[in-house]
Protein backbone atom coordinates (compact mmCIF):
# COMPACT_ATOMS: atom_id res chain seq x y z
CA MET A 1 125.33 112.20 88.47
CA ALA A 2 124.04 108.93 89.95
CA THR A 3 123.72 108.79 93.70
CA PRO A 4 122.86 105.77 95.82
CA LYS A 5 119.20 105.27 96.60
CA THR A 6 120.11 104.57 100.23
CA GLN A 7 121.19 107.80 101.95
CA ARG A 8 121.51 109.01 105.53
CA THR A 9 118.03 109.99 106.68
CA GLY A 10 118.46 110.87 110.35
CA THR A 11 119.46 109.84 113.84
CA ASP A 12 116.11 109.20 115.54
CA LEU A 13 116.71 105.55 116.46
CA ALA A 14 114.03 105.58 119.18
CA GLY A 15 111.43 106.87 116.73
CA HIS A 16 112.46 104.32 114.14
CA LEU A 17 112.21 101.43 116.60
CA ASP A 18 108.88 102.70 118.00
CA ALA A 19 107.44 102.70 114.47
CA LEU A 20 108.19 98.98 113.97
CA PRO A 21 105.43 96.44 114.49
CA PRO A 22 105.24 95.65 118.23
CA ALA A 23 106.24 92.02 117.70
CA ARG A 24 109.52 93.11 115.99
CA GLN A 25 110.56 95.76 118.52
CA PRO A 26 112.20 93.58 121.22
CA LEU A 27 114.60 91.90 118.77
CA ALA A 28 115.41 95.18 117.01
CA ARG A 29 116.07 96.91 120.34
CA ALA A 30 118.31 94.05 121.50
CA VAL A 31 120.28 94.12 118.23
CA ALA A 32 120.59 97.93 118.46
CA ASP A 33 122.02 97.56 121.96
CA VAL A 34 124.59 95.01 120.75
CA PHE A 35 125.68 97.29 117.89
CA ALA A 36 125.94 100.38 120.11
CA ARG A 37 128.05 98.54 122.73
CA ALA A 38 130.26 96.81 120.15
CA THR A 39 130.97 99.89 118.03
CA GLY A 40 130.76 102.85 120.44
CA GLU A 41 129.02 104.71 117.59
CA THR A 42 125.75 106.60 117.52
CA ALA A 43 123.16 104.97 115.27
CA VAL A 44 122.37 106.75 111.99
CA LEU A 45 119.40 105.82 109.85
CA TRP A 46 120.02 105.06 106.18
CA GLY A 47 116.40 104.61 105.11
CA SER A 48 115.35 101.41 106.85
CA ILE A 49 118.93 100.44 107.71
CA VAL A 50 120.29 101.36 111.12
CA GLY A 51 123.99 101.99 110.54
CA TYR A 52 126.99 102.35 112.85
CA GLY A 53 130.12 103.97 111.45
CA THR A 54 130.79 104.73 107.81
CA THR A 55 132.80 103.06 105.11
CA THR A 56 132.82 103.51 101.37
CA THR A 57 131.58 101.45 98.47
CA THR A 58 132.24 101.84 94.81
CA SER A 59 129.41 101.46 92.35
CA GLY A 60 129.21 102.67 88.78
CA GLY A 61 132.72 104.06 89.04
CA ARG A 62 131.76 106.38 91.93
CA THR A 63 132.62 106.12 95.60
CA HIS A 64 129.77 106.52 98.10
CA GLU A 65 129.29 106.45 101.85
CA TRP A 66 127.75 103.32 103.33
CA PRO A 67 127.23 102.07 106.91
CA ALA A 68 130.27 100.12 108.14
CA VAL A 69 127.95 97.74 110.01
CA GLY A 70 124.22 97.85 110.52
CA PHE A 71 120.90 96.06 110.64
CA ALA A 72 117.39 96.32 109.29
CA VAL A 73 114.11 94.64 110.17
CA ARG A 74 113.08 92.57 107.17
CA GLY A 75 109.74 90.85 107.72
CA THR A 76 110.05 88.43 110.64
CA ARG A 77 113.86 88.62 110.68
CA VAL A 78 116.59 91.14 111.29
CA ALA A 79 119.17 91.44 108.53
CA VAL A 80 122.64 92.20 109.91
CA TYR A 81 125.15 93.81 107.51
CA GLY A 82 128.94 94.08 107.49
CA LEU A 83 129.85 90.91 109.37
CA ARG A 84 130.77 88.40 106.67
CA SER A 85 134.07 89.53 105.13
CA GLY A 86 136.61 89.21 107.93
CA PRO A 87 139.10 86.36 108.25
CA ASP A 88 137.39 85.10 111.43
CA ALA A 89 133.83 85.53 110.19
CA GLU A 90 133.13 81.95 109.13
CA GLU A 91 134.40 80.48 112.42
CA LEU A 92 132.34 82.99 114.44
CA LEU A 93 129.25 82.42 112.30
CA ALA A 94 129.56 78.71 112.99
CA ARG A 95 129.33 79.55 116.72
CA LEU A 96 126.60 82.20 116.38
CA GLY A 97 123.76 79.75 116.66
CA PRO A 98 120.57 79.81 114.60
CA HIS A 99 120.86 82.20 111.67
CA GLU A 100 120.57 82.28 107.88
CA ALA A 101 123.49 83.55 105.84
CA ALA A 102 123.12 85.40 102.55
CA VAL A 103 125.80 86.93 100.31
CA SER A 104 126.07 90.25 102.15
CA CYS A 105 124.13 89.75 105.37
CA VAL A 106 123.13 87.41 108.17
CA TYR A 107 119.46 86.98 109.13
CA LEU A 108 118.45 86.50 112.78
CA ARG A 109 115.02 85.53 114.11
CA ARG A 110 115.88 85.43 117.81
CA LEU A 111 118.66 86.58 120.09
CA GLY A 112 120.09 85.67 123.46
CA GLY A 113 118.04 83.81 126.02
CA GLU A 114 115.16 82.99 123.68
CA VAL A 115 114.81 79.38 122.59
CA GLY A 116 116.64 79.14 119.28
CA GLY A 117 118.33 82.48 119.84
CA ALA A 118 121.67 83.54 118.41
CA ASP A 119 124.56 83.93 120.87
CA VAL A 120 124.83 87.60 121.96
CA ASP A 121 128.56 87.37 122.77
CA VAL A 122 129.39 85.95 119.34
CA LEU A 123 127.23 88.57 117.62
CA THR A 124 128.96 91.30 119.64
CA GLU A 125 132.37 90.00 118.48
CA LEU A 126 131.23 89.81 114.84
CA VAL A 127 129.96 93.41 115.01
CA ARG A 128 133.13 94.61 116.74
CA LEU A 129 135.38 92.99 114.15
CA GLY A 130 133.24 94.14 111.18
CA HIS A 131 133.26 97.71 112.49
CA ALA A 132 136.99 97.73 113.25
CA ARG A 133 137.74 96.41 109.74
CA SER A 134 135.52 98.84 107.86
CA ALA A 135 134.68 101.99 109.77
CA VAL A 136 136.08 105.47 109.46
CA THR A 137 135.77 106.35 113.15
CA GLY A 138 133.34 109.15 113.86
CA ALA A 139 132.49 109.77 110.21
CA CYS A 140 128.85 108.93 110.81
CA GLN A 141 128.39 111.24 113.78
CA PRO A 142 126.05 114.18 113.21
CA GLY A 143 128.01 117.23 112.05
CA SER A 144 131.15 115.29 111.16
CA PRO A 145 132.29 115.70 107.56
CA LEU A 146 133.33 112.62 105.64
CA LEU A 147 137.02 112.96 104.90
CA LEU A 148 137.49 111.36 101.52
CA ASP A 149 141.26 111.01 101.82
CA ARG A 150 140.71 108.83 104.93
CA VAL A 151 137.81 106.93 103.43
CA LEU A 152 139.49 106.10 100.14
CA SER A 153 142.26 104.30 102.02
CA THR A 154 139.76 101.90 103.66
CA THR A 155 138.51 98.60 102.33
CA SER A 156 135.49 99.07 100.08
CA MET A 157 132.34 97.08 100.82
CA SER A 158 129.59 96.31 98.39
CA PRO A 159 126.10 97.48 99.33
CA PRO A 160 123.37 94.88 99.69
CA PRO A 161 121.57 94.04 96.44
CA HIS A 162 118.60 96.22 97.34
CA ALA A 163 120.75 99.38 97.43
CA GLU A 164 120.42 100.20 93.75
CA LEU A 165 121.65 103.35 92.10
CA ARG A 166 119.09 105.62 90.47
C-alpha cells in the first residue's frame, strides 16, 4: 500500500525553528505566529512543513491526511501552502505585497515592517480563509483521531509537487 512520503513527524515547533539557519529564523517565527493566530491550531510538523489543521488529499486513488495550511523554509524564502484556492485568494494576493506565486504555494522573502515585506494583515486573512475552507477542526491536535467520515466530506487539496508517493 502506497503512503505519502510526507507524514506527521511531531509537534516540536520551537526545536524545528531553532534548527533553522539563524538568518531564516526571524521570518519563520513571524510566519508561525501569523498561522497560530489565524487558525487557533497547534503547529504539527510534517517533515519540513509546519502544518495547521488537517484536510485530505487524494493521490493514486487513496485518500491521505495533509496540512490544511502551512509553511516551510525553502532556501531564502518561506513557502506558504493552502492559500491559493479560495474565491477571494487572487484579490488578497494582489494586496499581499511582494511575493512569488507558484501553482500550490506562495513564496515570501520578508514580512511586515521590513522594506519589501508582505502585509501581515493580508497574510493573516489568507491563512484564516484557507484554514476555514479546508481544515477539519482539531484533527491535527496530538491524540485526536482523524475521523474519515468528516474528512471525506471536505474539499480535497492536492499536495505540493515535492510530496511524492513512495
